[in-house]
Amino acid sequence: MPDTPTPATMHKNPSAAAAAGTPSSSDSTRTSDERGRTALAVGVVEKIAGMAAREVSGIHALGSGLSRTFGAMRDRVPGGKSSIGRGIKAEVGEKQTAIDIALVVEYGVVIPELARQVRENIIDAVERMTGLEVVEVNIAVNDVHLPDEPDVEEEEEETVSSGQRPKLR
């Protein structure tokens, strides 16, 4: 039995998929509709985009201040939702997706260059892993983190341990 190609090898070498007997995207005799459908949840695309965005240096956090505050509290609750997709909203269709992301950047970072890198990283990761075409990645920079400014998560830990209510900005 020939080696089964992985998604990474199929992406890099479509002829490997054909050699293994798997129809490639250029094979017009078999379509995905004939063999079944793959449905991706919105959360899958959001998590992939979140991980891809975090790979770019210069990002302090994802999400707005309020979503980070509530997210920090939610992370402490057993069974709470993961924070990987925090600050990211995706619309997922059958073949395309659009992604909105909210960022907090580190002070001193060139924001247009950072936005370009984040956009490219997200598009590459989502298209490679899901096969969806990313039609747009909208980036909103909500804040700049200053070097002497405490993190929202650090403030939450202090207030939870002291029994005080968190300060909302």
C-alpha atoms as a PDB file:
ATOM      1  CA  MET A   1       0.000   0.000   0.000  1.00  0.00           C
ATOM      2  CA  PRO A   2       1.512   3.375  -0.950  1.00  0.00           C
ATOM      3  CA  ASP A   3       2.322   5.955   1.685  1.00  0.00           C
ATOM      4  CA  THR A   4      -0.620   8.140   2.582  1.00  0.00           C
ATOM      5  CA  PRO A   5       0.241  11.797   2.056  1.00  0.00           C
ATOM      6  CA  THR A   6      -0.173  14.237   4.908  1.00  0.00           C
ATOM      7  CA  PRO A   7      -1.807  17.641   4.369  1.00  0.00           C
ATOM      8  CA  ALA A   8       1.653  19.235   4.526  1.00  0.00           C
ATOM      9  CA  THR A   9       3.059  17.024   1.760  1.00  0.00           C
ATOM     10  CA  MET A  10      -0.027  17.507  -0.371  1.00  0.00           C
ATOM     11  CA  HIS A  11       0.306  21.264   0.025  1.00  0.00           C
ATOM     12  CA  LYS A  12       3.985  21.235  -0.924  1.00  0.00           C
ATOM     13  CA  ASN A  13       3.843  18.489  -3.553  1.00  0.00           C
ATOM     14  CA  PRO A  14       0.442  17.861  -5.220  1.00  0.00           C
ATOM     15  CA  SER A  15       2.002  15.118  -7.358  1.00  0.00           C
ATOM     16  CA  ALA A  16       2.648  13.084  -4.181  1.00  0.00           C
ATOM     17  CA  ALA A  17      -1.097  12.955  -3.630  1.00  0.00           C
ATOM     18  CA  ALA A  18      -1.662  11.671  -7.149  1.00  0.00           C
ATOM     19  CA  ALA A  19       1.101   9.077  -6.760  1.00  0.00           C
ATOM     20  CA  ALA A  20      -0.541   7.793  -3.595  1.00  0.00           C
ATOM     21  CA  GLY A  21      -3.854   7.403  -5.390  1.00  0.00           C
ATOM     22  CA  THR A  22      -5.471  10.397  -3.726  1.00  0.00           C
ATOM     23  CA  PRO A  23      -7.282  12.824  -6.039  1.00  0.00           C
ATOM     24  CA  SER A  24      -5.584  16.194  -6.161  1.00  0.00           C
ATOM     25  CA  SER A  25      -7.372  19.494  -6.514  1.00  0.00           C
ATOM     26  CA  SER A  26      -6.555  19.470 -10.250  1.00  0.00           C
ATOM     27  CA  ASP A  27      -8.282  16.084 -10.738  1.00  0.00           C
ATOM     28  CA  SER A  28     -11.550  17.119 -12.365  1.00  0.00           C
ATOM     29  CA  THR A  29     -13.143  13.640 -12.340  1.00  0.00           C
ATOM     30  CA  ARG A  30     -13.640  13.538  -8.575  1.00  0.00           C
ATOM     31  CA  THR A  31     -14.974  16.374  -6.488  1.00  0.00           C
ATOM     32  CA  SER A  32     -15.326  16.615  -2.752  1.00  0.00           C
ATOM     33  CA  ASP A  33     -19.129  16.576  -3.157  1.00  0.00           C
ATOM     34  CA  GLU A  34     -18.998  13.055  -4.649  1.00  0.00           C
ATOM     35  CA  ARG A  35     -17.011  11.618  -1.730  1.00  0.00           C
ATOM     36  CA  GLY A  36     -18.416  13.633   1.173  1.00  0.00           C
ATOM     37  CA  ARG A  37     -18.197  17.031   2.783  1.00  0.00           C
ATOM     38  CA  THR A  38     -15.957  18.514   5.420  1.00  0.00           C
ATOM     39  CA  ALA A  39     -17.488  21.139   7.688  1.00  0.00           C
ATOM     40  CA  LEU A  40     -15.258  23.391   9.775  1.00  0.00           C
ATOM     41  CA  ALA A  41     -16.554  25.049  12.917  1.00  0.00           C
ATOM     42  CA  VAL A  42     -15.961  28.757  13.316  1.00  0.00           C
ATOM     43  CA  GLY A  43     -13.922  28.048  16.449  1.00  0.00           C
ATOM     44  CA  VAL A  44     -11.447  25.975  14.450  1.00  0.00           C
ATOM     45  CA  VAL A  45     -10.633  28.880  12.132  1.00  0.00           C
ATOM     46  CA  GLU A  46     -10.500  31.286  15.091  1.00  0.00           C
ATOM     47  CA  LYS A  47      -8.019  29.095  16.974  1.00  0.00           C
ATOM     48  CA  ILE A  48      -5.792  28.651  13.927  1.00  0.00           C
ATOM     49  CA  ALA A  49      -5.825  32.406  13.320  1.00  0.00           C
ATOM     50  CA  GLY A  50      -5.097  33.074  17.004  1.00  0.00           C
ATOM     51  CA  MET A  51      -2.099  30.758  17.059  1.00  0.00           C
ATOM     52  CA  ALA A  52      -0.797  32.231  13.784  1.00  0.00           C
ATOM     53  CA  ALA A  53      -1.148  35.794  15.096  1.00  0.00           C
ATOM     54  CA  ARG A  54       0.674  34.972  18.337  1.00  0.00           C
ATOM     55  CA  GLU A  55       3.682  33.746  16.319  1.00  0.00           C
ATOM     56  CA  VAL A  56       4.405  37.336  15.217  1.00  0.00           C
ATOM     57  CA  SER A  57       6.617  39.261  17.614  1.00  0.00           C
ATOM     58  CA  GLY A  58       5.367  42.662  18.709  1.00  0.00           C
ATOM     59  CA  ILE A  59       1.896  41.535  19.753  1.00  0.00           C
ATOM     60  CA  HIS A  60       1.230  41.917  23.450  1.00  0.00           C
ATOM     61  CA  ALA A  61      -2.270  40.412  23.531  1.00  0.00           C
ATOM     62  CA  LEU A  62      -5.330  39.630  21.441  1.00  0.00           C
ATOM     63  CA  GLY A  63      -8.713  41.214  22.112  1.00  0.00           C
ATOM     64  CA  SER A  64      -9.949  44.442  23.577  1.00  0.00           C
ATOM     65  CA  GLY A  65      -9.335  45.395  27.205  1.00  0.00           C
ATOM     66  CA  LEU A  66     -12.805  44.308  28.298  1.00  0.00           C
ATOM     67  CA  SER A  67     -12.648  40.937  26.523  1.00  0.00           C
ATOM     68  CA  ARG A  68      -9.200  40.292  28.024  1.00  0.00           C
ATOM     69  CA  THR A  69     -10.499  41.120  31.515  1.00  0.00           C
ATOM     70  CA  PHE A  70     -13.474  38.779  31.237  1.00  0.00           C
ATOM     71  CA  GLY A  71     -11.316  36.189  29.494  1.00  0.00           C
ATOM     72  CA  ALA A  72      -8.821  36.206  32.347  1.00  0.00           C
ATOM     73  CA  MET A  73     -11.631  35.503  34.814  1.00  0.00           C
ATOM     74  CA  ARG A  74     -13.150  32.842  32.540  1.00  0.00           C
ATOM     75  CA  ASP A  75      -9.761  31.093  32.258  1.00  0.00           C
ATOM     76  CA  ARG A  76      -9.751  30.568  36.044  1.00  0.00           C
ATOM     77  CA  VAL A  77     -13.131  28.823  36.049  1.00  0.00           C
ATOM     78  CA  PRO A  78     -12.864  25.036  35.640  1.00  0.00           C
ATOM     79  CA  GLY A  79     -14.189  24.098  32.215  1.00  0.00           C
ATOM     80  CA  GLY A  80     -13.906  27.687  30.983  1.00  0.00           C
ATOM     81  CA  LYS A  81     -13.366  28.408  27.292  1.00  0.00           C
ATOM     82  CA  SER A  82      -9.798  28.555  26.017  1.00  0.00           C
ATOM     83  CA  SER A  83      -8.309  31.973  25.337  1.00  0.00           C
ATOM     84  CA  ILE A  84      -6.598  31.000  22.070  1.00  0.00           C
ATOM     85  CA  GLY A  85      -9.405  32.415  19.927  1.00  0.00           C
ATOM     86  CA  ARG A  86      -9.979  35.484  22.112  1.00  0.00           C
ATOM     87  CA  GLY A  87     -10.131  38.694  20.086  1.00  0.00           C
ATOM     88  CA  ILE A  88     -10.813  36.890  16.811  1.00  0.00           C
ATOM     89  CA  LYS A  89     -14.074  36.614  14.923  1.00  0.00           C
ATOM     90  CA  ALA A  90     -14.381  34.507  11.792  1.00  0.00           C
ATOM     91  CA  GLU A  91     -17.101  34.033   9.225  1.00  0.00           C
ATOM     92  CA  VAL A  92     -16.796  30.635   7.592  1.00  0.00           C
ATOM     93  CA  GLY A  93     -18.472  29.603   4.366  1.00  0.00           C
ATOM     94  CA  GLU A  94     -18.086  26.446   2.317  1.00  0.00           C
ATOM     95  CA  LYS A  95     -14.992  27.645   0.457  1.00  0.00           C
ATOM     96  CA  GLN A  96     -14.069  31.034   1.916  1.00  0.00           C
ATOM     97  CA  THR A  97     -13.543  32.707   5.253  1.00  0.00           C
ATOM     98  CA  ALA A  98     -13.136  36.267   6.525  1.00  0.00           C
ATOM     99  CA  ILE A  99     -11.379  37.046   9.789  1.00  0.00           C
ATOM    100  CA  ASP A 100     -11.475  40.049  12.135  1.00  0.00           C
ATOM    101  CA  ILE A 101      -8.793  40.342  14.807  1.00  0.00           C
ATOM    102  CA  ALA A 102      -8.294  42.825  17.653  1.00  0.00           C
ATOM    103  CA  LEU A 103      -4.727  43.397  18.870  1.00  0.00           C
ATOM    104  CA  VAL A 104      -2.787  45.103  21.610  1.00  0.00           C
ATOM    105  CA  VAL A 105       0.706  45.882  20.317  1.00  0.00           C
ATOM    106  CA  GLU A 106       3.948  46.488  22.173  1.00  0.00           C
ATOM    107  CA  TYR A 107       5.176  50.085  22.317  1.00  0.00           C
ATOM    108  CA  GLY A 108       7.751  50.866  19.615  1.00  0.00           C
ATOM    109  CA  VAL A 109       6.449  48.396  17.030  1.00  0.00           C
ATOM    110  CA  VAL A 110       5.813  49.715  13.515  1.00  0.00           C
ATOM    111  CA  ILE A 111       2.097  49.007  13.346  1.00  0.00           C
ATOM    112  CA  PRO A 112       1.641  48.838   9.526  1.00  0.00           C
ATOM    113  CA  GLU A 113       4.522  46.336   9.257  1.00  0.00           C
ATOM    114  CA  LEU A 114       3.166  44.301  12.176  1.00  0.00           C
ATOM    115  CA  ALA A 115      -0.297  44.256  10.596  1.00  0.00           C
ATOM    116  CA  ARG A 116       1.185  43.037   7.291  1.00  0.00           C
ATOM    117  CA  GLN A 117       3.066  40.221   9.046  1.00  0.00           C
ATOM    118  CA  VAL A 118       0.028  39.185  11.100  1.00  0.00           C
ATOM    119  CA  ARG A 119      -2.198  39.205   8.010  1.00  0.00           C
ATOM    120  CA  GLU A 120       0.263  37.096   5.985  1.00  0.00           C
ATOM    121  CA  ASN A 121       0.770  34.617   8.831  1.00  0.00           C
ATOM    122  CA  ILE A 122      -2.955  34.174   9.401  1.00  0.00           C
ATOM    123  CA  ILE A 123      -3.729  33.768   5.701  1.00  0.00           C
ATOM    124  CA  ASP A 124      -0.937  31.226   5.253  1.00  0.00           C
ATOM    125  CA  ALA A 125      -1.903  29.147   8.304  1.00  0.00           C
ATOM    126  CA  VAL A 126      -5.669  29.140   7.703  1.00  0.00           C
ATOM    127  CA  GLU A 127      -5.416  28.380   3.987  1.00  0.00           C
ATOM    128  CA  ARG A 128      -2.803  25.664   4.528  1.00  0.00           C
ATOM    129  CA  MET A 129      -4.615  23.929   7.390  1.00  0.00           C
ATOM    130  CA  THR A 130      -8.248  24.268   6.268  1.00  0.00           C
ATOM    131  CA  GLY A 131      -8.156  24.595   2.488  1.00  0.00           C
ATOM    132  CA  LEU A 132     -10.436  27.633   2.757  1.00  0.00           C
ATOM    133  CA  GLU A 133      -9.657  30.787   0.810  1.00  0.00           C
ATOM    134  CA  VAL A 134      -9.125  33.710   3.184  1.00  0.00           C
ATOM    135  CA  VAL A 135     -10.802  36.657   1.470  1.00  0.00           C
ATOM    136  CA  GLU A 136      -9.864  39.239   4.098  1.00  0.00           C
ATOM    137  CA  VAL A 137      -8.185  39.712   7.449  1.00  0.00           C
ATOM    138  CA  ASN A 138      -9.303  42.919   9.151  1.00  0.00           C
ATOM    139  CA  ILE A 139      -7.023  44.076  11.959  1.00  0.00           C
ATOM    140  CA  ALA A 140      -8.050  46.502  14.701  1.00  0.00           C
ATOM    141  CA  VAL A 141      -5.278  47.778  16.954  1.00  0.00           C
ATOM    142  CA  ASN A 142      -7.100  48.607  20.191  1.00  0.00           C
ATOM    143  CA  ASP A 143      -4.222  49.544  22.450  1.00  0.00           C
ATOM    144  CA  VAL A 144      -0.472  49.952  22.830  1.00  0.00           C
ATOM    145  CA  HIS A 145       1.129  48.211  25.789  1.00  0.00           C
ATOM    146  CA  LEU A 146       3.707  50.424  27.492  1.00  0.00           C
ATOM    147  CA  PRO A 147       6.775  48.825  29.117  1.00  0.00           C
ATOM    148  CA  ASP A 148       5.858  50.008  32.638  1.00  0.00           C
ATOM    149  CA  GLU A 149       2.169  49.091  32.333  1.00  0.00           C
ATOM    150  CA  PRO A 150       0.932  45.959  34.194  1.00  0.00           C
ATOM    151  CA  ASP A 151      -0.850  43.249  32.232  1.00  0.00           C
ATOM    152  CA  VAL A 152      -4.608  42.853  32.643  1.00  0.00           C
ATOM    153  CA  GLU A 153      -4.029  39.229  33.650  1.00  0.00           C
ATOM    154  CA  GLU A 154      -1.525  40.301  36.356  1.00  0.00           C
ATOM    155  CA  GLU A 155      -4.042  42.785  37.762  1.00  0.00           C
ATOM    156  CA  GLU A 156      -6.692  40.052  37.810  1.00  0.00           C
ATOM    157  CA  GLU A 157      -4.434  37.683  39.759  1.00  0.00           C
ATOM    158  CA  GLU A 158      -3.753  40.361  42.370  1.00  0.00           C
ATOM    159  CA  THR A 159      -7.425  41.241  42.852  1.00  0.00           C
ATOM    160  CA  VAL A 160      -8.598  37.614  42.943  1.00  0.00           C
ATOM    161  CA  SER A 161      -5.975  36.651  45.529  1.00  0.00           C
ATOM    162  CA  SER A 162      -6.779  39.687  47.688  1.00  0.00           C
ATOM    163  CA  GLY A 163     -10.543  39.158  47.460  1.00  0.00           C
ATOM    164  CA  GLN A 164     -11.177  42.560  45.841  1.00  0.00           C
ATOM    165  CA  ARG A 165     -13.312  43.118  42.787  1.00  0.00           C
ATOM    166  CA  PRO A 166     -11.334  43.777  39.574  1.00  0.00           C
ATOM    167  CA  LYS A 167     -11.004  47.362  38.435  1.00  0.00           C
ATOM    168  CA  LEU A 168     -12.742  47.984  35.121  1.00  0.00           C
ATOM    169  CA  ARG A 169     -11.384  50.651  32.855  1.00  0.00           C
END
